[in-house]
Amino acid sequence: MIELIAQGGGPASVVTFRPSDVAQERVYELIERKRDGTITGDESNQLFHYTELEHILRMAKIRARAVLQENSAPSSSV
């Protein structure tokens, strides 16, 4: 997500952004550890922060799609 912010590519880059494979694998690992009851307190906090970031990214993607639609809609002249 830091890469997305640093590049500042606008709404289109937000819509197409995907977390790195490493980040995705870590989240899957943490979820699995939570399911089997072997997650530590630090890992639980890390999973919580990943889910917060995912929520923020989903909201940003929704807004970015709306901006792209607004920008592609024909303007009405009066």
Protein backbone atom coordinates (compact mmCIF):
# COMPACT_ATOMS: atom_id res chain seq x y z
CA MET A 1 0.00 0.00 0.00
CA ILE A 2 2.93 2.30 0.63
CA GLU A 3 4.04 1.74 -2.96
CA LEU A 4 0.59 2.83 -4.17
CA ILE A 5 0.72 6.04 -2.15
CA ALA A 6 4.31 6.77 -3.13
CA GLN A 7 3.60 6.41 -6.84
CA GLY A 8 0.52 8.63 -6.69
CA GLY A 9 -0.90 7.27 -9.95
CA GLY A 10 -4.44 8.49 -9.42
CA PRO A 11 -7.74 6.58 -9.34
CA ALA A 12 -6.79 4.05 -12.01
CA SER A 13 -3.78 2.87 -10.03
CA VAL A 14 -5.93 2.52 -6.90
CA VAL A 15 -8.43 0.33 -8.77
CA THR A 16 -5.73 -1.96 -10.16
CA PHE A 17 -3.59 -2.11 -7.00
CA ARG A 18 -2.98 -5.55 -5.51
CA PRO A 19 -0.95 -6.36 -2.40
CA SER A 20 2.34 -8.13 -3.02
CA ASP A 21 2.49 -11.90 -3.10
CA VAL A 22 4.56 -11.79 0.10
CA ALA A 23 1.90 -9.75 1.91
CA GLN A 24 -0.89 -12.04 0.68
CA GLU A 25 1.01 -15.13 1.79
CA ARG A 26 1.60 -13.60 5.23
CA VAL A 27 -2.11 -12.86 5.66
CA TYR A 28 -3.02 -16.43 4.65
CA GLU A 29 -0.46 -17.75 7.12
CA LEU A 30 -1.84 -15.59 9.93
CA ILE A 31 -5.42 -16.63 9.15
CA GLU A 32 -4.39 -20.29 9.21
CA ARG A 33 -2.58 -19.83 12.52
CA LYS A 34 -5.67 -18.15 13.96
CA ARG A 35 -7.87 -21.03 12.78
CA ASP A 36 -5.66 -23.68 14.33
CA GLY A 37 -5.15 -21.71 17.55
CA THR A 38 -1.38 -21.21 17.25
CA ILE A 39 -1.40 -17.45 16.61
CA THR A 40 0.63 -15.31 19.02
CA GLY A 41 -0.48 -11.97 20.40
CA ASP A 42 1.87 -10.09 18.07
CA GLU A 43 0.61 -12.08 15.09
CA SER A 44 -2.97 -11.41 16.08
CA ASN A 45 -2.22 -7.67 16.14
CA GLN A 46 -0.54 -7.96 12.76
CA LEU A 47 -3.60 -9.73 11.32
CA PHE A 48 -5.83 -7.02 12.76
CA HIS A 49 -3.76 -4.32 11.05
CA TYR A 50 -3.83 -6.20 7.74
CA THR A 51 -7.63 -6.38 7.93
CA GLU A 52 -7.81 -2.65 8.69
CA LEU A 53 -5.65 -1.91 5.65
CA GLU A 54 -7.78 -4.18 3.50
CA HIS A 55 -10.90 -2.31 4.58
CA ILE A 56 -9.30 1.06 3.77
CA LEU A 57 -8.15 -0.23 0.38
CA ARG A 58 -11.63 -1.53 -0.46
CA MET A 59 -13.13 1.84 0.41
CA ALA A 60 -10.49 3.62 -1.67
CA LYS A 61 -11.20 1.33 -4.64
CA ILE A 62 -14.93 2.05 -4.41
CA ARG A 63 -14.25 5.78 -4.41
CA ALA A 64 -11.67 5.52 -7.21
CA ARG A 65 -14.16 3.63 -9.41
CA ALA A 66 -16.74 6.36 -8.78
CA VAL A 67 -14.21 9.06 -9.73
CA LEU A 68 -13.32 7.20 -12.92
CA GLN A 69 -17.01 6.88 -13.80
CA GLU A 70 -17.60 10.57 -13.11
CA ASN A 71 -14.65 11.50 -15.31
CA SER A 72 -15.78 9.25 -18.15
CA ALA A 73 -19.41 10.38 -18.11
CA PRO A 74 -20.32 12.79 -20.90
CA SER A 75 -20.63 16.31 -19.57
CA SER A 76 -23.92 18.02 -20.15
CA SER A 77 -23.75 21.54 -21.50
CA VAL A 78 -26.58 23.92 -20.86
